[in-house]
Amino acid sequence: MNILLRIVIVAVALMASAYVIPGIQVSNVYVALGAALILGIMNAFVRPVLVILTLPLTIVTFGLFVFVINALMFWLTASLLSGFVVSGFFAALIGSLFVSIVSAFVYKILT
């Protein structure tokens, strides 16, 4: 149940990011749910590998390179799913930050 709640919250945050951030488009709710599911799977399996592989760069940048990894996960999710469009890296960076902050805030409120 907890995983379904997180997927719905991230989907709502994705829909909100499409309204707030220029360069991000989500065609409908089903695409947002699919993007939230794909983003969750990629954050569970691909992101840890990338974090370990880029650990020296992350240490040199005092952890700021993790934001780049989050943006790449966001951008890669958009490239895997039609109906979810991220126009560039800057939109992916701002979008990933927005979705992370909004989903964490809403999840804290609901639980």
PDB file of N, CA and C in Angstrom:
ATOM      1  N   MET A   1       0.817  -1.200   0.000  1.00  0.00           N
ATOM      2  CA  MET A   1       0.000   0.000   0.000  1.00  0.00           C
ATOM      3  C   MET A   1       0.860   1.263   0.000  1.00  0.00           C
ATOM      4  N   ASN A   2       1.972   1.193   0.726  1.00  0.00           N
ATOM      5  CA  ASN A   2       2.869   2.327   0.827  1.00  0.00           C
ATOM      6  C   ASN A   2       3.481   2.674  -0.539  1.00  0.00           C
ATOM      7  N   ILE A   3       3.804   1.657  -1.308  1.00  0.00           N
ATOM      8  CA  ILE A   3       4.403   1.883  -2.629  1.00  0.00           C
ATOM      9  C   ILE A   3       3.384   2.523  -3.566  1.00  0.00           C
ATOM     10  N   LEU A   4       2.146   2.075  -3.514  1.00  0.00           N
ATOM     11  CA  LEU A   4       1.110   2.671  -4.361  1.00  0.00           C
ATOM     12  C   LEU A   4       0.869   4.133  -4.003  1.00  0.00           C
ATOM     13  N   LEU A   5       0.913   4.438  -2.719  1.00  0.00           N
ATOM     14  CA  LEU A   5       0.750   5.823  -2.283  1.00  0.00           C
ATOM     15  C   LEU A   5       1.887   6.693  -2.812  1.00  0.00           C
ATOM     16  N   ARG A   6       3.104   6.183  -2.738  1.00  0.00           N
ATOM     17  CA  ARG A   6       4.252   6.932  -3.261  1.00  0.00           C
ATOM     18  C   ARG A   6       4.142   7.154  -4.764  1.00  0.00           C
ATOM     19  N   ILE A   7       3.701   6.149  -5.502  1.00  0.00           N
ATOM     20  CA  ILE A   7       3.559   6.288  -6.956  1.00  0.00           C
ATOM     21  C   ILE A   7       2.512   7.346  -7.288  1.00  0.00           C
ATOM     22  N   VAL A   8       1.403   7.337  -6.577  1.00  0.00           N
ATOM     23  CA  VAL A   8       0.353   8.337  -6.812  1.00  0.00           C
ATOM     24  C   VAL A   8       0.854   9.738  -6.460  1.00  0.00           C
ATOM     25  N   ILE A   9       1.586   9.862  -5.368  1.00  0.00           N
ATOM     26  CA  ILE A   9       2.110  11.172  -4.970  1.00  0.00           C
ATOM     27  C   ILE A   9       3.102  11.690  -6.006  1.00  0.00           C
ATOM     28  N   VAL A  10       3.989  10.836  -6.488  1.00  0.00           N
ATOM     29  CA  VAL A  10       4.954  11.263  -7.510  1.00  0.00           C
ATOM     30  C   VAL A  10       4.231  11.613  -8.809  1.00  0.00           C
ATOM     31  N   ALA A  11       3.181  10.876  -9.141  1.00  0.00           N
ATOM     32  CA  ALA A  11       2.407  11.195 -10.346  1.00  0.00           C
ATOM     33  C   ALA A  11       1.751  12.575 -10.224  1.00  0.00           C
ATOM     34  N   VAL A  12       1.225  12.876  -9.059  1.00  0.00           N
ATOM     35  CA  VAL A  12       0.626  14.198  -8.843  1.00  0.00           C
ATOM     36  C   VAL A  12       1.706  15.283  -8.918  1.00  0.00           C
ATOM     37  N   ALA A  13       2.879  14.999  -8.359  1.00  0.00           N
ATOM     38  CA  ALA A  13       3.979  15.962  -8.436  1.00  0.00           C
ATOM     39  C   ALA A  13       4.443  16.150  -9.878  1.00  0.00           C
ATOM     40  N   LEU A  14       4.431  15.094 -10.676  1.00  0.00           N
ATOM     41  CA  LEU A  14       4.775  15.210 -12.099  1.00  0.00           C
ATOM     42  C   LEU A  14       3.760  16.063 -12.842  1.00  0.00           C
ATOM     43  N   MET A  15       2.482  15.859 -12.542  1.00  0.00           N
ATOM     44  CA  MET A  15       1.452  16.678 -13.180  1.00  0.00           C
ATOM     45  C   MET A  15       1.613  18.146 -12.776  1.00  0.00           C
ATOM     46  N   ALA A  16       1.937  18.393 -11.513  1.00  0.00           N
ATOM     47  CA  ALA A  16       2.142  19.767 -11.051  1.00  0.00           C
ATOM     48  C   ALA A  16       3.370  20.387 -11.711  1.00  0.00           C
ATOM     49  N   SER A  17       4.413  19.589 -11.892  1.00  0.00           N
ATOM     50  CA  SER A  17       5.625  20.123 -12.530  1.00  0.00           C
ATOM     51  C   SER A  17       5.371  20.496 -13.982  1.00  0.00           C
ATOM     52  N   ALA A  18       4.446  19.796 -14.626  1.00  0.00           N
ATOM     53  CA  ALA A  18       4.112  20.134 -16.012  1.00  0.00           C
ATOM     54  C   ALA A  18       3.430  21.500 -16.094  1.00  0.00           C
ATOM     55  N   TYR A  19       2.698  21.870 -15.058  1.00  0.00           N
ATOM     56  CA  TYR A  19       2.036  23.174 -15.041  1.00  0.00           C
ATOM     57  C   TYR A  19       2.988  24.299 -14.637  1.00  0.00           C
ATOM     58  N   VAL A  20       3.949  24.006 -13.780  1.00  0.00           N
ATOM     59  CA  VAL A  20       4.805  25.037 -13.212  1.00  0.00           C
ATOM     60  C   VAL A  20       6.064  25.287 -14.040  1.00  0.00           C
ATOM     61  N   ILE A  21       6.665  24.223 -14.566  1.00  0.00           N
ATOM     62  CA  ILE A  21       7.978  24.340 -15.204  1.00  0.00           C
ATOM     63  C   ILE A  21       7.831  24.279 -16.719  1.00  0.00           C
ATOM     64  N   PRO A  22       8.275  25.313 -17.407  1.00  0.00           N
ATOM     65  CA  PRO A  22       8.249  25.251 -18.873  1.00  0.00           C
ATOM     66  C   PRO A  22       9.276  24.236 -19.360  1.00  0.00           C
ATOM     67  N   GLY A  23       8.891  23.467 -20.367  1.00  0.00           N
ATOM     68  CA  GLY A  23       9.781  22.444 -20.893  1.00  0.00           C
ATOM     69  C   GLY A  23       9.415  21.047 -20.458  1.00  0.00           C
ATOM     70  N   ILE A  24       8.438  20.924 -19.565  1.00  0.00           N
ATOM     71  CA  ILE A  24       7.958  19.612 -19.130  1.00  0.00           C
ATOM     72  C   ILE A  24       6.496  19.501 -19.518  1.00  0.00           C
ATOM     73  N   GLN A  25       6.169  18.395 -20.185  1.00  0.00           N
ATOM     74  CA  GLN A  25       4.792  18.148 -20.604  1.00  0.00           C
ATOM     75  C   GLN A  25       4.391  16.733 -20.214  1.00  0.00           C
ATOM     76  N   VAL A  26       3.213  16.615 -19.640  1.00  0.00           N
ATOM     77  CA  VAL A  26       2.628  15.322 -19.305  1.00  0.00           C
ATOM     78  C   VAL A  26       1.249  15.305 -19.947  1.00  0.00           C
ATOM     79  N   SER A  27       1.012  14.320 -20.826  1.00  0.00           N
ATOM     80  CA  SER A  27      -0.216  14.357 -21.624  1.00  0.00           C
ATOM     81  C   SER A  27      -1.472  14.026 -20.813  1.00  0.00           C
ATOM     82  N   ASN A  28      -1.405  13.062 -19.892  1.00  0.00           N
ATOM     83  CA  ASN A  28      -2.582  12.740 -19.080  1.00  0.00           C
ATOM     84  C   ASN A  28      -2.159  12.056 -17.787  1.00  0.00           C
ATOM     85  N   VAL A  29      -3.137  11.688 -16.986  1.00  0.00           N
ATOM     86  CA  VAL A  29      -2.874  11.100 -15.673  1.00  0.00           C
ATOM     87  C   VAL A  29      -2.231   9.731 -15.807  1.00  0.00           C
ATOM     88  N   TYR A  30      -2.641   8.952 -16.799  1.00  0.00           N
ATOM     89  CA  TYR A  30      -2.091   7.615 -16.967  1.00  0.00           C
ATOM     90  C   TYR A  30      -0.614   7.668 -17.329  1.00  0.00           C
ATOM     91  N   VAL A  31      -0.236   8.638 -18.127  1.00  0.00           N
ATOM     92  CA  VAL A  31       1.175   8.828 -18.458  1.00  0.00           C
ATOM     93  C   VAL A  31       1.947   9.240 -17.208  1.00  0.00           C
ATOM     94  N   ALA A  32       1.352  10.082 -16.368  1.00  0.00           N
ATOM     95  CA  ALA A  32       2.008  10.486 -15.127  1.00  0.00           C
ATOM     96  C   ALA A  32       2.192   9.295 -14.192  1.00  0.00           C
ATOM     97  N   LEU A  33       1.195   8.422 -14.110  1.00  0.00           N
ATOM     98  CA  LEU A  33       1.330   7.220 -13.287  1.00  0.00           C
ATOM     99  C   LEU A  33       2.413   6.297 -13.832  1.00  0.00           C
ATOM    100  N   GLY A  34       2.453   6.138 -15.152  1.00  0.00           N
ATOM    101  CA  GLY A  34       3.499   5.321 -15.770  1.00  0.00           C
ATOM    102  C   GLY A  34       4.874   5.914 -15.563  1.00  0.00           C
ATOM    103  N   ALA A  35       4.979   7.223 -15.693  1.00  0.00           N
ATOM    104  CA  ALA A  35       6.263   7.890 -15.476  1.00  0.00           C
ATOM    105  C   ALA A  35       6.699   7.756 -14.017  1.00  0.00           C
ATOM    106  N   ALA A  36       5.768   7.853 -13.095  1.00  0.00           N
ATOM    107  CA  ALA A  36       6.098   7.693 -11.681  1.00  0.00           C
ATOM    108  C   ALA A  36       6.586   6.276 -11.399  1.00  0.00           C
ATOM    109  N   LEU A  37       5.953   5.299 -12.020  1.00  0.00           N
ATOM    110  CA  LEU A  37       6.369   3.904 -11.843  1.00  0.00           C
ATOM    111  C   LEU A  37       7.758   3.672 -12.429  1.00  0.00           C
ATOM    112  N   ILE A  38       7.986   4.158 -13.647  1.00  0.00           N
ATOM    113  CA  ILE A  38       9.289   3.992 -14.289  1.00  0.00           C
ATOM    114  C   ILE A  38      10.369   4.743 -13.511  1.00  0.00           C
ATOM    115  N   LEU A  39      10.049   5.939 -13.052  1.00  0.00           N
ATOM    116  CA  LEU A  39      11.006   6.716 -12.275  1.00  0.00           C
ATOM    117  C   LEU A  39      11.365   6.001 -10.971  1.00  0.00           C
ATOM    118  N   GLY A  40      10.385   5.404 -10.344  1.00  0.00           N
ATOM    119  CA  GLY A  40      10.645   4.646  -9.118  1.00  0.00           C
ATOM    120  C   GLY A  40      11.514   3.430  -9.358  1.00  0.00           C
ATOM    121  N   ILE A  41      11.263   2.717 -10.442  1.00  0.00           N
ATOM    122  CA  ILE A  41      12.073   1.547 -10.772  1.00  0.00           C
ATOM    123  C   ILE A  41      13.507   1.962 -11.104  1.00  0.00           C
ATOM    124  N   MET A  42      13.638   3.037 -11.876  1.00  0.00           N
ATOM    125  CA  MET A  42      14.980   3.496 -12.232  1.00  0.00           C
ATOM    126  C   MET A  42      15.732   4.025 -11.014  1.00  0.00           C
ATOM    127  N   ASN A  43      15.044   4.694 -10.113  1.00  0.00           N
ATOM    128  CA  ASN A  43      15.701   5.177  -8.907  1.00  0.00           C
ATOM    129  C   ASN A  43      16.092   4.026  -7.980  1.00  0.00           C
ATOM    130  N   ALA A  44      15.383   2.911  -8.079  1.00  0.00           N
ATOM    131  CA  ALA A  44      15.708   1.762  -7.243  1.00  0.00           C
ATOM    132  C   ALA A  44      16.869   0.942  -7.793  1.00  0.00           C
ATOM    133  N   PHE A  45      16.999   0.861  -9.117  1.00  0.00           N
ATOM    134  CA  PHE A  45      17.995  -0.037  -9.692  1.00  0.00           C
ATOM    135  C   PHE A  45      19.135   0.668 -10.419  1.00  0.00           C
ATOM    136  N   VAL A  46      18.848   1.688 -11.202  1.00  0.00           N
ATOM    137  CA  VAL A  46      19.877   2.331 -12.021  1.00  0.00           C
ATOM    138  C   VAL A  46      20.623   3.403 -11.231  1.00  0.00           C
ATOM    139  N   ARG A  47      19.915   4.192 -10.460  1.00  0.00           N
ATOM    140  CA  ARG A  47      20.522   5.310  -9.738  1.00  0.00           C
ATOM    141  C   ARG A  47      21.622   4.871  -8.772  1.00  0.00           C
ATOM    142  N   PRO A  48      21.446   3.798  -7.980  1.00  0.00           N
ATOM    143  CA  PRO A  48      22.542   3.397  -7.086  1.00  0.00           C
ATOM    144  C   PRO A  48      23.825   3.010  -7.834  1.00  0.00           C
ATOM    145  N   VAL A  49      23.672   2.386  -8.990  1.00  0.00           N
ATOM    146  CA  VAL A  49      24.842   2.027  -9.786  1.00  0.00           C
ATOM    147  C   VAL A  49      25.553   3.289 -10.269  1.00  0.00           C
ATOM    148  N   LEU A  50      24.778   4.261 -10.744  1.00  0.00           N
ATOM    149  CA  LEU A  50      25.376   5.509 -11.195  1.00  0.00           C
ATOM    150  C   LEU A  50      26.044   6.277 -10.061  1.00  0.00           C
ATOM    151  N   VAL A  51      25.432   6.250  -8.897  1.00  0.00           N
ATOM    152  CA  VAL A  51      26.016   6.947  -7.750  1.00  0.00           C
ATOM    153  C   VAL A  51      27.355   6.317  -7.373  1.00  0.00           C
ATOM    154  N   ILE A  52      27.428   5.011  -7.394  1.00  0.00           N
ATOM    155  CA  ILE A  52      28.684   4.333  -7.068  1.00  0.00           C
ATOM    156  C   ILE A  52      29.742   4.588  -8.142  1.00  0.00           C
ATOM    157  N   LEU A  53      29.344   4.534  -9.412  1.00  0.00           N
ATOM    158  CA  LEU A  53      30.301   4.753 -10.497  1.00  0.00           C
ATOM    159  C   LEU A  53      30.840   6.182 -10.519  1.00  0.00           C
ATOM    160  N   THR A  54      30.034   7.131 -10.097  1.00  0.00           N
ATOM    161  CA  THR A  54      30.456   8.536 -10.127  1.00  0.00           C
ATOM    162  C   THR A  54      30.835   9.047  -8.746  1.00  0.00           C
ATOM    163  N   LEU A  55      31.135   8.153  -7.834  1.00  0.00           N
ATOM    164  CA  LEU A  55      31.456   8.560  -6.470  1.00  0.00           C
ATOM    165  C   LEU A  55      32.642   9.523  -6.388  1.00  0.00           C
ATOM    166  N   PRO A  56      33.729   9.315  -7.125  1.00  0.00           N
ATOM    167  CA  PRO A  56      34.818  10.310  -7.046  1.00  0.00           C
ATOM    168  C   PRO A  56      34.376  11.707  -7.484  1.00  0.00           C
ATOM    169  N   LEU A  57      33.593  11.785  -8.551  1.00  0.00           N
ATOM    170  CA  LEU A  57      33.105  13.082  -9.009  1.00  0.00           C
ATOM    171  C   LEU A  57      32.138  13.693  -7.996  1.00  0.00           C
ATOM    172  N   THR A  58      31.343  12.854  -7.372  1.00  0.00           N
ATOM    173  CA  THR A  58      30.410  13.335  -6.348  1.00  0.00           C
ATOM    174  C   THR A  58      31.169  13.874  -5.141  1.00  0.00           C
ATOM    175  N   ILE A  59      32.260  13.224  -4.766  1.00  0.00           N
ATOM    176  CA  ILE A  59      33.059  13.702  -3.636  1.00  0.00           C
ATOM    177  C   ILE A  59      33.724  15.031  -3.974  1.00  0.00           C
ATOM    178  N   VAL A  60      34.257  15.137  -5.186  1.00  0.00           N
ATOM    179  CA  VAL A  60      34.935  16.378  -5.594  1.00  0.00           C
ATOM    180  C   VAL A  60      33.962  17.556  -5.627  1.00  0.00           C
ATOM    181  N   THR A  61      32.719  17.299  -6.022  1.00  0.00           N
ATOM    182  CA  THR A  61      31.727  18.376  -6.113  1.00  0.00           C
ATOM    183  C   THR A  61      30.910  18.521  -4.832  1.00  0.00           C
ATOM    184  N   PHE A  62      31.388  17.890  -3.753  1.00  0.00           N
ATOM    185  CA  PHE A  62      30.710  17.956  -2.451  1.00  0.00           C
ATOM    186  C   PHE A  62      29.259  17.487  -2.516  1.00  0.00           C
ATOM    187  N   GLY A  63      28.986  16.489  -3.329  1.00  0.00           N
ATOM    188  CA  GLY A  63      27.660  15.894  -3.411  1.00  0.00           C
ATOM    189  C   GLY A  63      26.718  16.518  -4.417  1.00  0.00           C
ATOM    190  N   LEU A  64      27.132  17.600  -5.043  1.00  0.00           N
ATOM    191  CA  LEU A  64      26.233  18.281  -5.981  1.00  0.00           C
ATOM    192  C   LEU A  64      26.015  17.494  -7.267  1.00  0.00           C
ATOM    193  N   PHE A  65      26.911  16.566  -7.581  1.00  0.00           N
ATOM    194  CA  PHE A  65      26.735  15.780  -8.795  1.00  0.00           C
ATOM    195  C   PHE A  65      25.526  14.847  -8.692  1.00  0.00           C
ATOM    196  N   VAL A  66      25.052  14.581  -7.488  1.00  0.00           N
ATOM    197  CA  VAL A  66      23.850  13.759  -7.311  1.00  0.00           C
ATOM    198  C   VAL A  66      22.645  14.439  -7.952  1.00  0.00           C
ATOM    199  N   PHE A  67      22.625  15.779  -7.944  1.00  0.00           N
ATOM    200  CA  PHE A  67      21.550  16.500  -8.628  1.00  0.00           C
ATOM    201  C   PHE A  67      21.576  16.220 -10.130  1.00  0.00           C
ATOM    202  N   VAL A  68      22.763  16.119 -10.684  1.00  0.00           N
ATOM    203  CA  VAL A  68      22.905  15.799 -12.110  1.00  0.00           C
ATOM    204  C   VAL A  68      22.403  14.380 -12.377  1.00  0.00           C
ATOM    205  N   ILE A  69      22.714  13.456 -11.500  1.00  0.00           N
ATOM    206  CA  ILE A  69      22.242  12.078 -11.654  1.00  0.00           C
ATOM    207  C   ILE A  69      20.715  12.034 -11.576  1.00  0.00           C
ATOM    208  N   ASN A  70      20.121  12.780 -10.643  1.00  0.00           N
ATOM    209  CA  ASN A  70      18.658  12.838 -10.548  1.00  0.00           C
ATOM    210  C   ASN A  70      18.045  13.408 -11.817  1.00  0.00           C
ATOM    211  N   ALA A  71      18.661  14.450 -12.353  1.00  0.00           N
ATOM    212  CA  ALA A  71      18.158  15.041 -13.595  1.00  0.00           C
ATOM    213  C   ALA A  71      18.266  14.051 -14.745  1.00  0.00           C
ATOM    214  N   LEU A  72      19.349  13.298 -14.806  1.00  0.00           N
ATOM    215  CA  LEU A  72      19.497  12.298 -15.865  1.00  0.00           C
ATOM    216  C   LEU A  72      18.454  11.182 -15.742  1.00  0.00           C
ATOM    217  N   MET A  73      18.130  10.781 -14.523  1.00  0.00           N
ATOM    218  CA  MET A  73      17.079   9.772 -14.323  1.00  0.00           C
ATOM    219  C   MET A  73      15.724  10.308 -14.788  1.00  0.00           C
ATOM    220  N   PHE A  74      15.466  11.566 -14.484  1.00  0.00           N
ATOM    221  CA  PHE A  74      14.223  12.227 -14.894  1.00  0.00           C
ATOM    222  C   PHE A  74      14.146  12.311 -16.416  1.00  0.00           C
ATOM    223  N   TRP A  75      15.250  12.711 -17.038  1.00  0.00           N
ATOM    224  CA  TRP A  75      15.321  12.858 -18.490  1.00  0.00           C
ATOM    225  C   TRP A  75      15.211  11.502 -19.172  1.00  0.00           C
ATOM    226  N   LEU A  76      15.859  10.496 -18.621  1.00  0.00           N
ATOM    227  CA  LEU A  76      15.800   9.154 -19.193  1.00  0.00           C
ATOM    228  C   LEU A  76      14.388   8.577 -19.099  1.00  0.00           C
ATOM    229  N   THR A  77      13.698   8.857 -18.021  1.00  0.00           N
ATOM    230  CA  THR A  77      12.312   8.423 -17.889  1.00  0.00           C
ATOM    231  C   THR A  77      11.446   9.034 -18.985  1.00  0.00           C
ATOM    232  N   ALA A  78      11.681  10.304 -19.262  1.00  0.00           N
ATOM    233  CA  ALA A  78      10.920  10.977 -20.320  1.00  0.00           C
ATOM    234  C   ALA A  78      11.232  10.386 -21.687  1.00  0.00           C
ATOM    235  N   SER A  79      12.453   9.945 -21.889  1.00  0.00           N
ATOM    236  CA  SER A  79      12.793   9.373 -23.191  1.00  0.00           C
ATOM    237  C   SER A  79      12.221   7.966 -23.365  1.00  0.00           C
ATOM    238  N   LEU A  80      11.918   7.292 -22.278  1.00  0.00           N
ATOM    239  CA  LEU A  80      11.368   5.940 -22.361  1.00  0.00           C
ATOM    240  C   LEU A  80       9.849   5.908 -22.520  1.00  0.00           C
ATOM    241  N   LEU A  81       9.191   7.005 -22.227  1.00  0.00           N
ATOM    242  CA  LEU A  81       7.731   7.021 -22.182  1.00  0.00           C
ATOM    243  C   LEU A  81       7.187   8.111 -23.099  1.00  0.00           C
ATOM    244  N   SER A  82       6.360   7.708 -24.049  1.00  0.00           N
ATOM    245  CA  SER A  82       5.742   8.722 -24.905  1.00  0.00           C
ATOM    246  C   SER A  82       4.597   9.388 -24.132  1.00  0.00           C
ATOM    247  N   GLY A  83       4.458  10.679 -24.316  1.00  0.00           N
ATOM    248  CA  GLY A  83       3.463  11.439 -23.580  1.00  0.00           C
ATOM    249  C   GLY A  83       4.060  12.212 -22.424  1.00  0.00           C
ATOM    250  N   PHE A  84       5.286  11.891 -22.068  1.00  0.00           N
ATOM    251  CA  PHE A  84       6.023  12.613 -21.029  1.00  0.00           C
ATOM    252  C   PHE A  84       7.252  13.202 -21.696  1.00  0.00           C
ATOM    253  N   VAL A  85       7.281  14.531 -21.813  1.00  0.00           N
ATOM    254  CA  VAL A  85       8.327  15.209 -22.577  1.00  0.00           C
ATOM    255  C   VAL A  85       9.087  16.155 -21.663  1.00  0.00           C
ATOM    256  N   VAL A  86      10.405  16.043 -21.697  1.00  0.00           N
ATOM    257  CA  VAL A  86      11.293  16.985 -21.009  1.00  0.00           C
ATOM    258  C   VAL A  86      12.194  17.558 -22.087  1.00  0.00           C
ATOM    259  N   SER A  87      12.138  18.870 -22.278  1.00  0.00           N
ATOM    260  CA  SER A  87      12.765  19.485 -23.442  1.00  0.00           C
ATOM    261  C   SER A  87      14.273  19.644 -23.342  1.00  0.00           C
ATOM    262  N   GLY A  88      14.853  19.631 -22.182  1.00  0.00           N
ATOM    263  CA  GLY A  88      16.291  19.801 -22.076  1.00  0.00           C
ATOM    264  C   GLY A  88      16.794  19.462 -20.692  1.00  0.00           C
ATOM    265  N   PHE A  89      18.119  19.555 -20.545  1.00  0.00           N
ATOM    266  CA  PHE A  89      18.722  19.191 -19.267  1.00  0.00           C
ATOM    267  C   PHE A  89      18.302  20.133 -18.144  1.00  0.00           C
ATOM    268  N   PHE A  90      18.236  21.430 -18.428  1.00  0.00           N
ATOM    269  CA  PHE A  90      17.850  22.381 -17.383  1.00  0.00           C
ATOM    270  C   PHE A  90      16.424  22.117 -16.903  1.00  0.00           C
ATOM    271  N   ALA A  91      15.519  21.811 -17.828  1.00  0.00           N
ATOM    272  CA  ALA A  91      14.147  21.469 -17.435  1.00  0.00           C
ATOM    273  C   ALA A  91      14.136  20.185 -16.612  1.00  0.00           C
ATOM    274  N   ALA A  92      14.992  19.226 -16.972  1.00  0.00           N
ATOM    275  CA  ALA A  92      15.085  17.984 -16.211  1.00  0.00           C
ATOM    276  C   ALA A  92      15.629  18.234 -14.809  1.00  0.00           C
ATOM    277  N   LEU A  93      16.606  19.123 -14.698  1.00  0.00           N
ATOM    278  CA  LEU A  93      17.189  19.439 -13.397  1.00  0.00           C
ATOM    279  C   LEU A  93      16.174  20.117 -12.486  1.00  0.00           C
ATOM    280  N   ILE A  94      15.511  21.134 -12.997  1.00  0.00           N
ATOM    281  CA  ILE A  94      14.502  21.839 -12.204  1.00  0.00           C
ATOM    282  C   ILE A  94      13.317  20.916 -11.918  1.00  0.00           C
ATOM    283  N   GLY A  95      12.919  20.135 -12.902  1.00  0.00           N
ATOM    284  CA  GLY A  95      11.799  19.211 -12.716  1.00  0.00           C
ATOM    285  C   GLY A  95      12.089  18.146 -11.678  1.00  0.00           C
ATOM    286  N   SER A  96      13.290  17.595 -11.694  1.00  0.00           N
ATOM    287  CA  SER A  96      13.625  16.570 -10.705  1.00  0.00           C
ATOM    288  C   SER A  96      13.670  17.152  -9.294  1.00  0.00           C
ATOM    289  N   LEU A  97      14.181  18.373  -9.171  1.00  0.00           N
ATOM    290  CA  LEU A  97      14.169  19.027  -7.862  1.00  0.00           C
ATOM    291  C   LEU A  97      12.751  19.304  -7.385  1.00  0.00           C
ATOM    292  N   PHE A  98      11.917  19.807  -8.291  1.00  0.00           N
ATOM    293  CA  PHE A  98      10.530  20.119  -7.957  1.00  0.00           C
ATOM    294  C   PHE A  98       9.770  18.862  -7.531  1.00  0.00           C
ATOM    295  N   VAL A  99       9.891  17.797  -8.328  1.00  0.00           N
ATOM    296  CA  VAL A  99       9.175  16.554  -8.015  1.00  0.00           C
ATOM    297  C   VAL A  99       9.667  15.971  -6.702  1.00  0.00           C
ATOM    298  N   SER A 100      10.965  16.023  -6.450  1.00  0.00           N
ATOM    299  CA  SER A 100      11.506  15.496  -5.193  1.00  0.00           C
ATOM    300  C   SER A 100      10.970  16.260  -3.989  1.00  0.00           C
ATOM    301  N   ILE A 101      10.999  17.577  -4.071  1.00  0.00           N
ATOM    302  CA  ILE A 101      10.556  18.397  -2.940  1.00  0.00           C
ATOM    303  C   ILE A 101       9.059  18.259  -2.706  1.00  0.00           C
ATOM    304  N   VAL A 102       8.268  18.354  -3.771  1.00  0.00           N
ATOM    305  CA  VAL A 102       6.811  18.274  -3.625  1.00  0.00           C
ATOM    306  C   VAL A 102       6.380  16.902  -3.135  1.00  0.00           C
ATOM    307  N   SER A 103       6.949  15.844  -3.706  1.00  0.00           N
ATOM    308  CA  SER A 103       6.536  14.499  -3.296  1.00  0.00           C
ATOM    309  C   SER A 103       6.958  14.209  -1.858  1.00  0.00           C
ATOM    310  N   ALA A 104       8.136  14.668  -1.437  1.00  0.00           N
ATOM    311  CA  ALA A 104       8.549  14.467  -0.048  1.00  0.00           C
ATOM    312  C   ALA A 104       7.639  15.229   0.905  1.00  0.00           C
ATOM    313  N   PHE A 105       7.291  16.454   0.538  1.00  0.00           N
ATOM    314  CA  PHE A 105       6.426  17.271   1.384  1.00  0.00           C
ATOM    315  C   PHE A 105       5.035  16.644   1.506  1.00  0.00           C
ATOM    316  N   VAL A 106       4.447  16.245   0.398  1.00  0.00           N
ATOM    317  CA  VAL A 106       3.099  15.665   0.434  1.00  0.00           C
ATOM    318  C   VAL A 106       3.107  14.326   1.162  1.00  0.00           C
ATOM    319  N   TYR A 107       4.149  13.519   0.952  1.00  0.00           N
ATOM    320  CA  TYR A 107       4.223  12.236   1.633  1.00  0.00           C
ATOM    321  C   TYR A 107       4.338  12.425   3.151  1.00  0.00           C
ATOM    322  N   LYS A 108       5.092  13.432   3.571  1.00  0.00           N
ATOM    323  CA  LYS A 108       5.200  13.710   5.008  1.00  0.00           C
ATOM    324  C   LYS A 108       3.871  14.135   5.607  1.00  0.00           C
ATOM    325  N   ILE A 109       3.097  14.890   4.830  1.00  0.00           N
ATOM    326  CA  ILE A 109       1.794  15.343   5.315  1.00  0.00           C
ATOM    327  C   ILE A 109       0.813  14.177   5.441  1.00  0.00           C
ATOM    328  N   LEU A 110       0.840  13.282   4.448  1.00  0.00           N
ATOM    329  CA  LEU A 110      -0.134  12.184   4.414  1.00  0.00           C
ATOM    330  C   LEU A 110       0.203  11.035   5.357  1.00  0.00           C
ATOM    331  N   THR A 111       1.453  10.922   5.756  1.00  0.00           N
ATOM    332  CA  THR A 111       1.795   9.780   6.639  1.00  0.00           C
ATOM    333  C   THR A 111       2.221  10.241   8.008  1.00  0.00           C
TER     334      THR A 111
END
